Protein backbone atom coordinates (compact mmCIF):
# COMPACT_ATOMS: atom_id res chain seq x y z
CA MET A 1 -51.27 67.86 9.61
CA ALA A 2 -48.54 70.43 9.12
CA LYS A 3 -45.08 69.23 9.20
CA GLU A 4 -43.10 70.43 12.26
CA LYS A 5 -40.54 73.11 11.42
CA THR A 6 -36.89 72.00 11.94
CA VAL A 7 -35.00 74.52 14.17
CA ARG A 8 -31.36 74.98 13.32
CA GLU A 9 -30.79 78.77 13.23
CA LEU A 10 -31.76 81.53 15.50
CA GLU A 11 -34.22 82.81 12.77
CA ASP A 12 -36.05 79.44 12.99
CA LEU A 13 -37.02 80.14 16.67
CA PRO A 14 -40.65 81.54 17.15
CA GLY A 15 -40.84 85.39 17.09
CA ILE A 16 -37.06 85.75 16.26
CA GLY A 17 -36.75 87.64 12.97
CA GLU A 18 -33.55 88.87 11.13
CA ALA A 19 -33.35 92.16 13.23
CA THR A 20 -33.73 90.31 16.61
CA ALA A 21 -31.32 87.49 15.58
CA MET A 22 -28.76 90.29 14.62
CA LYS A 23 -29.14 91.78 18.16
CA LEU A 24 -28.47 88.48 19.69
CA ARG A 25 -25.43 87.68 17.48
CA ASN A 26 -24.04 91.11 18.24
CA ALA A 27 -24.36 90.26 21.96
CA GLY A 28 -22.43 87.03 21.35
CA ILE A 29 -25.63 84.80 21.41
CA ASP A 30 -24.99 82.97 18.16
CA SER A 31 -26.26 79.43 18.60
CA LEU A 32 -29.30 77.59 20.06
CA ASP A 33 -27.09 76.23 22.92
CA LYS A 34 -26.47 79.78 24.13
CA ILE A 35 -30.19 80.59 23.91
CA GLY A 36 -31.01 77.53 25.85
CA THR A 37 -28.87 78.55 28.79
CA LEU A 38 -30.35 82.18 29.11
CA SER A 39 -33.08 83.02 31.60
CA PRO A 40 -36.24 84.50 30.21
CA HIS A 41 -35.35 87.89 31.66
CA GLU A 42 -31.76 88.00 30.18
CA LEU A 43 -33.16 86.91 26.77
CA SER A 44 -35.86 89.71 27.07
CA ASP A 45 -33.25 92.32 28.01
CA ILE A 46 -30.79 91.46 25.16
CA SER A 47 -33.50 90.97 22.37
CA GLY A 48 -36.34 93.38 23.31
CA ILE A 49 -39.00 90.63 23.20
CA SER A 50 -41.33 90.02 26.07
CA VAL A 51 -40.47 87.67 28.95
CA ASP A 52 -43.30 85.34 28.11
CA ALA A 53 -42.22 85.29 24.47
CA ALA A 54 -38.52 84.67 25.67
CA LYS A 55 -39.82 81.64 27.81
CA LYS A 56 -41.15 80.10 24.63
CA VAL A 57 -38.08 80.87 22.63
CA ILE A 58 -35.84 79.20 25.33
CA GLN A 59 -38.07 76.10 25.50
CA VAL A 60 -37.87 75.50 21.81
CA ALA A 61 -34.09 76.11 21.68
CA GLN A 62 -33.59 73.57 24.53
CA GLU A 63 -35.70 70.96 22.75
CA SER A 64 -33.88 71.49 19.46
CA VAL A 65 -30.39 70.93 20.84
CA ASN A 66 -29.29 67.23 20.75
CA ILE A 67 -27.13 65.90 23.46
CA ASN A 68 -25.52 62.58 22.90
CA TYR A 69 -25.17 60.20 25.64
CA GLU A 70 -22.94 57.13 25.70
CA THR A 71 -22.17 54.51 28.46
CA GLY A 72 -18.60 54.14 29.92
CA GLU A 73 -18.23 50.97 28.02
CA GLN A 74 -19.02 52.65 24.69
CA PHE A 75 -16.68 55.45 25.55
CA TYR A 76 -13.91 52.96 26.27
CA GLU A 77 -14.44 51.18 22.93
CA ARG A 78 -14.19 54.37 21.17
CA ARG A 79 -10.98 55.24 23.09
CA LYS A 80 -9.41 52.09 21.58
CA GLN A 81 -9.46 53.74 18.16
CA ILE A 82 -7.38 56.79 19.27
CA GLY A 83 -4.22 57.22 17.13
CA LYS A 84 -0.84 58.03 18.63
CA ILE A 85 2.26 59.61 17.02
CA SER A 86 5.66 58.38 18.23
CA THR A 87 8.00 61.19 19.66
CA GLY A 88 11.02 59.31 18.45
CA SER A 89 11.99 58.51 22.07
CA LYS A 90 10.76 55.24 23.52
CA ASP A 91 11.05 56.49 26.99
CA LEU A 92 8.99 59.67 26.19
CA ASP A 93 6.46 57.52 24.45
CA SER A 94 6.17 55.44 27.41
CA LEU A 95 5.91 58.40 29.83
CA ILE A 96 2.84 59.84 28.00
CA GLY A 97 1.12 56.50 27.27
CA GLY A 98 2.39 55.44 23.85
CA GLY A 99 2.88 58.71 21.99
CA VAL A 100 1.03 62.04 21.19
CA GLU A 101 -2.77 61.07 21.04
CA THR A 102 -5.28 62.17 18.59
CA ASN A 103 -8.56 63.79 19.87
CA GLY A 104 -6.48 65.82 22.44
CA ILE A 105 -3.96 68.56 22.99
CA THR A 106 -0.45 68.14 24.04
CA GLU A 107 1.16 71.05 25.43
CA SER A 108 5.02 71.50 26.04
CA TYR A 109 6.34 74.47 27.96
CA GLY A 110 9.85 75.50 28.99
CA ARG A 111 12.56 78.14 28.69
CA PHE A 112 14.34 79.02 25.48
CA ALA A 113 16.00 76.21 23.76
CA SER A 114 14.49 73.48 25.94
CA GLY A 115 13.40 71.59 22.91
CA LYS A 116 9.87 72.35 22.47
CA THR A 117 10.07 73.23 18.80
CA GLN A 118 12.48 70.30 18.20
CA LEU A 119 9.81 67.92 19.49
CA GLY A 120 7.36 69.55 17.04
CA PHE A 121 9.60 69.17 14.11
CA GLN A 122 10.04 65.45 15.09
CA LEU A 123 6.12 65.00 15.28
CA ALA A 124 5.69 66.74 12.01
CA VAL A 125 7.93 64.07 10.49
CA ASN A 126 6.60 61.04 12.33
CA VAL A 127 2.97 61.74 11.62
CA GLN A 128 3.58 61.07 8.10
CA LEU A 129 4.77 57.51 8.80
CA PRO A 130 2.35 54.59 8.47
CA ASN A 131 0.37 53.53 11.50
CA ASN A 132 2.40 50.47 12.42
CA GLU A 133 5.59 52.71 12.18
CA GLY A 134 4.53 55.22 14.87
CA GLY A 135 2.67 57.61 12.51
CA LEU A 136 -0.77 58.42 11.20
CA GLY A 137 -0.15 58.55 7.49
CA GLY A 138 -1.15 62.16 7.33
CA ALA A 139 -0.03 65.72 6.98
CA THR A 140 0.74 68.51 9.43
CA LEU A 141 -0.57 72.04 9.67
CA PHE A 142 2.19 74.00 11.29
CA ILE A 143 1.05 77.51 12.53
CA ASP A 144 4.29 79.29 13.12
CA THR A 145 3.88 82.52 15.35
CA GLU A 146 7.51 83.03 16.24
CA GLY A 147 9.45 82.43 12.85
CA THR A 148 10.81 79.16 14.22
CA PHE A 149 9.94 76.78 11.43
CA ARG A 150 13.18 75.50 9.56
CA PRO A 151 12.86 73.28 6.70
CA GLU A 152 16.60 72.36 7.01
CA ARG A 153 15.80 70.72 10.32
CA ILE A 154 12.98 68.74 8.87
CA GLU A 155 15.28 67.76 5.97
CA SER A 156 17.95 66.57 8.58
CA ILE A 157 15.32 64.49 10.59
CA ALA A 158 13.93 62.95 7.39
CA LYS A 159 17.21 61.95 5.85
CA SER A 160 18.53 60.33 9.11
CA ALA A 161 15.26 58.45 9.18
CA GLY A 162 15.81 57.14 5.47
CA LEU A 163 12.95 59.17 4.33
CA ASP A 164 12.65 61.50 1.26
CA PRO A 165 13.02 64.99 2.50
CA LYS A 166 11.02 66.54 -0.30
CA SER A 167 8.04 64.27 0.27
CA ILE A 168 8.15 64.93 4.05
CA LEU A 169 8.35 68.78 3.49
CA SER A 170 5.45 68.61 1.04
CA GLY A 171 3.35 67.00 3.82
CA ILE A 172 3.90 70.01 5.91
CA ILE A 173 1.57 73.13 5.39
CA VAL A 174 3.22 76.02 7.13
CA ILE A 175 1.28 79.26 7.95
CA ARG A 176 3.29 82.29 9.32
CA ALA A 177 0.89 84.13 11.63
CA ILE A 178 2.05 87.58 12.69
CA THR A 179 -1.15 88.74 14.69
CA THR A 180 -3.51 87.02 16.93
CA GLU A 181 -6.20 87.71 14.40
CA GLN A 182 -4.28 85.71 11.76
CA GLN A 183 -3.66 82.92 14.29
CA ILE A 184 -7.32 82.53 15.18
CA LEU A 185 -8.50 82.78 11.66
CA THR A 186 -6.24 80.00 10.51
CA LEU A 187 -8.06 77.60 12.81
CA GLU A 188 -11.46 79.05 12.14
CA ARG A 189 -11.02 78.35 8.30
CA ALA A 190 -9.00 75.11 8.88
CA ASP A 191 -11.80 72.54 8.01
CA LYS A 192 -11.38 72.58 4.32
CA LEU A 193 -7.54 72.41 4.53
CA ILE A 194 -7.79 69.49 7.01
CA GLN A 195 -9.91 67.40 4.67
CA GLU A 196 -8.17 68.40 1.42
CA LYS A 197 -4.64 67.75 2.79
CA ASN A 198 -5.51 64.85 5.05
CA VAL A 199 -4.01 66.71 8.04
CA LYS A 200 -3.56 64.39 11.02
CA LEU A 201 -1.50 66.92 13.28
CA ILE A 202 -1.88 70.60 14.20
CA ILE A 203 1.25 72.23 15.66
CA ILE A 204 1.07 75.81 16.97
CA ASP A 205 4.32 77.12 17.93
CA SER A 206 3.89 79.02 20.09
CA LEU A 207 0.23 79.36 21.23
CA THR A 208 0.68 82.17 23.53
CA SER A 209 3.42 84.48 22.17
CA LEU A 210 1.28 86.79 20.08
CA PHE A 211 -1.32 87.03 22.70
CA ARG A 212 1.30 87.89 25.25
CA ALA A 213 2.70 90.70 22.92
CA GLU A 214 -0.66 92.18 21.96
CA PHE A 215 -2.46 92.23 25.15
CA VAL A 216 -0.18 94.10 27.54
CA GLY A 217 -1.29 95.14 30.98
CA ARG A 218 -3.79 93.95 33.68
CA GLY A 219 -6.38 95.84 31.86
CA ALA A 220 -6.13 93.78 28.87
CA LEU A 221 -5.77 90.42 30.68
CA GLY A 222 -9.57 89.55 30.71
CA GLU A 223 -9.85 90.02 26.90
CA ARG A 224 -6.64 88.01 26.27
CA GLN A 225 -7.86 85.04 28.32
CA GLN A 226 -11.37 85.14 26.66
CA LYS A 227 -9.85 85.14 23.14
CA LEU A 228 -7.26 82.48 24.12
CA ASN A 229 -10.07 80.31 25.62
CA GLN A 230 -11.98 80.49 22.44
CA HIS A 231 -9.02 79.66 20.55
CA ILE A 232 -7.94 76.66 22.42
CA HIS A 233 -11.54 75.22 22.35
CA ARG A 234 -11.61 75.68 18.63
CA LEU A 235 -8.45 73.53 18.60
CA GLN A 236 -9.95 70.82 20.67
CA MET A 237 -13.15 70.92 18.53
CA LEU A 238 -11.05 70.28 15.30
CA ALA A 239 -9.16 67.41 17.06
CA ASP A 240 -12.49 65.68 18.10
CA LYS A 241 -14.26 66.41 14.78
CA TYR A 242 -11.42 65.06 12.41
CA SER A 243 -9.58 62.69 14.90
CA ILE A 244 -6.33 64.59 14.59
CA ALA A 245 -3.57 65.23 17.14
CA ALA A 246 -2.71 68.85 18.50
CA TYR A 247 0.67 69.83 19.70
CA ILE A 248 1.18 73.36 21.17
CA THR A 249 4.23 74.97 22.57
CA ASN A 250 3.93 77.59 25.39
CA GLN A 251 6.19 80.26 26.75
CA VAL A 252 7.13 80.52 30.40
CA MET A 253 7.77 83.23 33.12
CA ASP A 254 9.20 83.22 36.59
CA ASN A 255 6.42 83.39 39.26
CA PRO A 256 7.66 85.80 42.11
CA GLY A 257 5.31 84.16 44.51
CA ILE A 258 7.29 80.94 44.44
CA LEU A 259 9.97 81.37 46.94
CA PHE A 260 11.25 77.85 47.11
CA GLY A 261 11.65 75.31 44.12
CA ASP A 262 11.28 75.95 40.52
CA PRO A 263 9.45 79.33 39.78
CA THR A 264 8.94 78.53 36.12
CA THR A 265 5.21 78.87 35.31
CA PRO A 266 3.66 78.51 31.86
CA ILE A 267 1.79 81.46 30.31
CA GLY A 268 -2.00 81.15 29.94
CA GLY A 269 -3.12 80.50 33.36
CA ASN A 270 -6.01 78.14 34.12
CA VAL A 271 -7.34 78.47 30.56
CA LEU A 272 -4.50 76.45 29.20
CA ALA A 273 -4.18 74.31 32.28
CA HIS A 274 -7.69 73.01 31.89
CA ALA A 275 -7.75 72.80 28.10
CA ALA A 276 -4.51 70.74 27.54
CA THR A 277 -5.06 67.07 27.73
CA THR A 278 -1.22 66.31 28.44
CA ARG A 279 1.28 68.76 29.75
CA LEU A 280 4.97 68.52 29.38
CA TYR A 281 7.68 70.66 31.05
CA LEU A 282 10.88 70.51 29.17
CA ARG A 283 14.18 71.81 30.63
CA LYS A 284 17.86 71.75 29.49
CA SER A 285 20.38 69.42 30.87
CA LYS A 286 24.05 68.68 30.09
CA GLU A 287 24.99 68.91 26.41
CA ASP A 288 22.22 67.70 24.14
CA LYS A 289 20.09 66.20 26.98
CA ARG A 290 16.59 67.38 27.95
CA ILE A 291 14.62 66.48 30.92
CA VAL A 292 10.93 66.06 30.14
CA ARG A 293 8.47 66.08 33.08
CA LEU A 294 4.91 64.97 32.69
CA VAL A 295 3.02 67.41 34.64
CA ASP A 296 -0.65 66.57 33.83
CA SER A 297 -2.34 63.61 32.20
CA PRO A 298 -5.86 62.06 32.50
CA ASN A 299 -4.52 58.52 32.47
CA MET A 300 -0.77 58.47 33.16
CA PRO A 301 1.06 59.12 36.43
CA GLU A 302 3.52 62.10 36.90
CA GLY A 303 7.01 61.27 36.05
CA GLU A 304 10.22 62.25 34.16
CA CYS A 305 12.39 61.04 31.41
CA VAL A 306 15.68 62.07 29.64
CA ILE A 307 15.68 62.49 25.89
CA LYS A 308 18.50 63.66 23.47
CA ILE A 309 18.19 66.21 20.70
CA THR A 310 20.54 65.16 17.96
CA THR A 311 20.94 65.94 14.26
CA ALA A 312 18.82 62.96 13.56
CA GLY A 313 15.98 64.29 15.72
CA ILE A 314 14.53 63.19 19.14
CA ALA A 315 16.17 60.14 20.66
CA ASP A 316 16.58 58.33 23.96
């Protein structure tokens, strides 16, 4: 009896050769999952194969895709393994459920100088601490899109915590992205770096600035949101795959439709609103104080706390 062929790539599907597979990939159909969600007529139109042949291809694709199930109890046990990075503030840690979680995306948004980047610096230091001291014992991949990374600030935070600044700085891999293509490719090629450098935290500061600059006008909005959506989902995939934390900062704008209350609205619309696990809104208060509001979290109630940004970093 002939051994059944394992189906992993498009070319493994019945009747799909290299030329047909190329047509599909050019149309954005590059996985068995995507083939499995098409109708026979859609697949026929894109690939040029008959509707009957398309039915067979879709059936094989659906049967070849593994969908893993688990009970709520199993999921809860797995959740107990989630790591958390301390923010440096006990009040802020408490507000977000113990710190910035692995396997998820924490977004902070706010106006200029509201403390978004400063929180990122603190996390880049704290993630290198042992687990029992509020860290994960790993490195940081810092994707800088605005030229905001400051090694002097990292040095100051590290010294204040009694840590070796050189050692802490060597645990931060900084990539300066000046185009959306560079920003996107950094995540697409991040697997090897994450494994080699034991990366436990990815910071993107900021996620939206380059997209906002390059995709201007209503005509470009659709393409911008599509690329942003793919980018943020790649970040979530890396967080899940390697059990790492992701921290992103986001720019804001004034929403003219809001006549009463705070018109400050984060960039990115529903794409970011749905993708971020935890959303924080930072705003300036008196002197070195910042007010942090928990806007959205799957397991914590909305609330606020006050933090300080000092030479030693984030504090209560």
